[in-house]
Protein backbone atom coordinates (compact mmCIF):
# COMPACT_ATOMS: atom_id res chain seq x y z
CA MET A 1 134.39 173.68 155.82
CA LYS A 2 134.24 177.38 155.07
CA THR A 3 130.92 179.19 154.99
CA TYR A 4 130.93 179.99 151.27
CA TYR A 5 131.68 176.34 150.47
CA LEU A 6 128.65 175.33 152.50
CA VAL A 7 126.50 177.98 150.80
CA SER A 8 127.61 176.75 147.37
CA LEU A 9 126.86 173.18 148.37
CA LEU A 10 123.38 174.12 149.66
CA ILE A 11 122.64 176.12 146.50
CA GLY A 12 123.61 173.12 144.36
CA ILE A 13 121.43 170.73 146.36
CA GLY A 14 118.50 173.16 146.43
CA LEU A 15 118.77 173.84 142.71
CA ALA A 16 118.89 170.13 141.89
CA ILE A 17 115.85 169.39 144.07
CA GLY A 18 113.92 172.31 142.58
CA ILE A 19 114.70 171.31 139.00
CA LEU A 20 113.83 167.67 139.57
CA TYR A 21 110.55 168.78 141.17
CA LEU A 22 109.71 170.98 138.15
CA VAL A 23 110.55 168.21 135.68
CA ARG A 24 108.58 165.65 137.67
CA ARG A 25 105.50 167.90 137.91
CA ASP A 26 105.75 168.55 134.14
CA HIS A 27 106.36 172.30 134.58
CA LEU A 28 109.67 172.00 132.77
CA TYR A 29 110.48 169.79 129.81
CA ILE A 30 113.30 167.33 130.22
CA ARG A 31 115.23 168.94 127.36
CA GLN A 32 115.36 172.30 129.19
CA GLY A 33 115.65 170.63 132.58
CA PHE A 34 118.78 168.82 131.48
CA PHE A 35 120.66 172.12 131.14
CA TRP A 36 119.63 173.20 134.62
CA ILE A 37 120.48 169.80 136.10
CA VAL A 38 123.98 170.20 134.68
CA VAL A 39 124.19 173.65 136.27
CA ALA A 40 123.05 172.24 139.62
CA ALA A 41 125.55 169.37 139.36
CA ALA A 42 128.37 171.81 138.61
CA SER A 43 127.38 173.95 141.58
CA LEU A 44 127.28 170.87 143.76
CA LEU A 45 130.66 169.70 142.43
CA PHE A 46 132.33 173.04 143.09
CA GLY A 47 130.67 173.16 146.50
CA ILE A 48 132.13 169.80 147.45
CA TRP A 49 135.55 170.40 145.87
CA PRO A 50 136.12 174.17 145.72
CA SER A 51 139.80 173.67 144.91
CA LEU A 52 138.72 172.13 141.58
CA ILE A 53 138.04 175.58 140.09
CA ASP A 54 141.50 176.69 141.21
CA PHE A 55 143.09 173.63 139.61
CA ILE A 56 141.22 174.14 136.31
CA GLY A 57 142.04 177.87 136.29
CA VAL A 58 145.75 177.26 136.88
CA ALA A 59 145.76 174.54 134.21
CA LEU A 60 144.27 177.01 131.72
CA GLY A 61 146.71 179.74 132.74
CA ILE A 62 144.15 182.08 134.27
CA ALA A 63 145.66 184.46 136.84
CA TYR A 64 142.58 184.62 139.09
CA PRO A 65 140.74 181.27 138.77
CA PRO A 66 137.33 182.36 140.19
CA THR A 67 136.89 184.54 137.10
CA LEU A 68 136.83 181.32 135.07
CA LEU A 69 133.65 180.36 136.88
CA LEU A 70 132.05 183.72 136.07
CA LEU A 71 133.16 183.51 132.44
CA ALA A 72 131.76 179.99 132.13
CA ALA A 73 128.46 181.13 133.65
CA ILE A 74 128.18 184.04 131.21
CA VAL A 75 128.98 181.83 128.21
CA ALA A 76 126.49 179.17 129.36
CA LEU A 77 123.71 181.74 129.77
CA VAL A 78 124.43 183.29 126.36
CA VAL A 79 124.29 179.85 124.74
CA LYS A 80 121.07 179.06 126.64
CA SER A 81 119.57 182.34 125.47
CA LEU A 82 120.56 181.61 121.87
CA LEU A 83 119.03 178.12 122.03
CA GLY A 84 115.85 179.64 123.50
CA ASP A 85 115.64 182.12 120.63
CA ILE A 86 116.13 179.31 118.11
CA ALA A 87 113.33 177.30 119.72
CA LEU A 88 111.04 180.35 119.81
CA THR A 89 111.72 181.03 116.12
CA ARG A 90 110.92 177.40 115.26
CA VAL A 91 107.64 177.50 117.21
CA SER A 92 106.64 180.83 115.64
CA ARG A 93 107.37 179.51 112.15
CA ASP A 94 105.40 176.32 112.79
CA LEU A 95 102.48 178.31 114.19
CA ARG A 96 102.44 180.60 111.16
CA ARG A 97 102.46 177.59 108.80
CA LEU A 98 99.69 175.92 110.77
CA ASN A 99 97.56 179.07 110.58
CA GLN A 100 98.13 179.22 106.82
CA ARG A 101 97.08 175.58 106.41
CA ILE A 102 93.94 176.16 108.46
CA ALA A 103 93.09 179.21 106.35
CA LEU A 104 93.53 177.18 103.15
CA LEU A 105 91.32 174.37 104.48
CA GLU A 106 88.62 176.84 105.53
CA ALA A 107 88.75 178.45 102.09
CA GLU A 108 88.31 175.06 100.41
CA HIS A 109 85.47 173.90 102.67
CA PRO A 110 83.59 176.94 103.99
CA ALA A 111 80.36 175.03 104.83
CA GLN A 112 82.13 172.73 107.25
CA ASP A 113 83.12 175.55 109.64
CA PRO A 114 80.69 175.38 112.59
CA ASP A 115 81.69 178.84 113.90
CA ARG A 116 81.08 180.64 110.62
CA PRO A 117 77.70 182.41 110.29
CA LYS A 118 75.56 181.04 107.43
């Protein structure tokens, strides 16, 4: 086994262990962890069978198959970034609506606010 195959295999195993640890310790939600588990599995797969990327590249008609791996990584990270922005927008919108509802409730019932000076 060539050195870079072994390095790819070790990166895949290490990434999978790290992600599973973060999900298990509740530092990473399963929804986000799923993406990274897929990345770790792909790294592990290409580490075990490095000729697979060559086969896929030739099947797609790509002259230099390792560039397919780089292109796929760039596309995956752009999609992940877009999904992160969508989630951030949703959370910001929900927070703004929640603040507006709290303000309306405080305006309707000012005497019930324990922090407000009397």
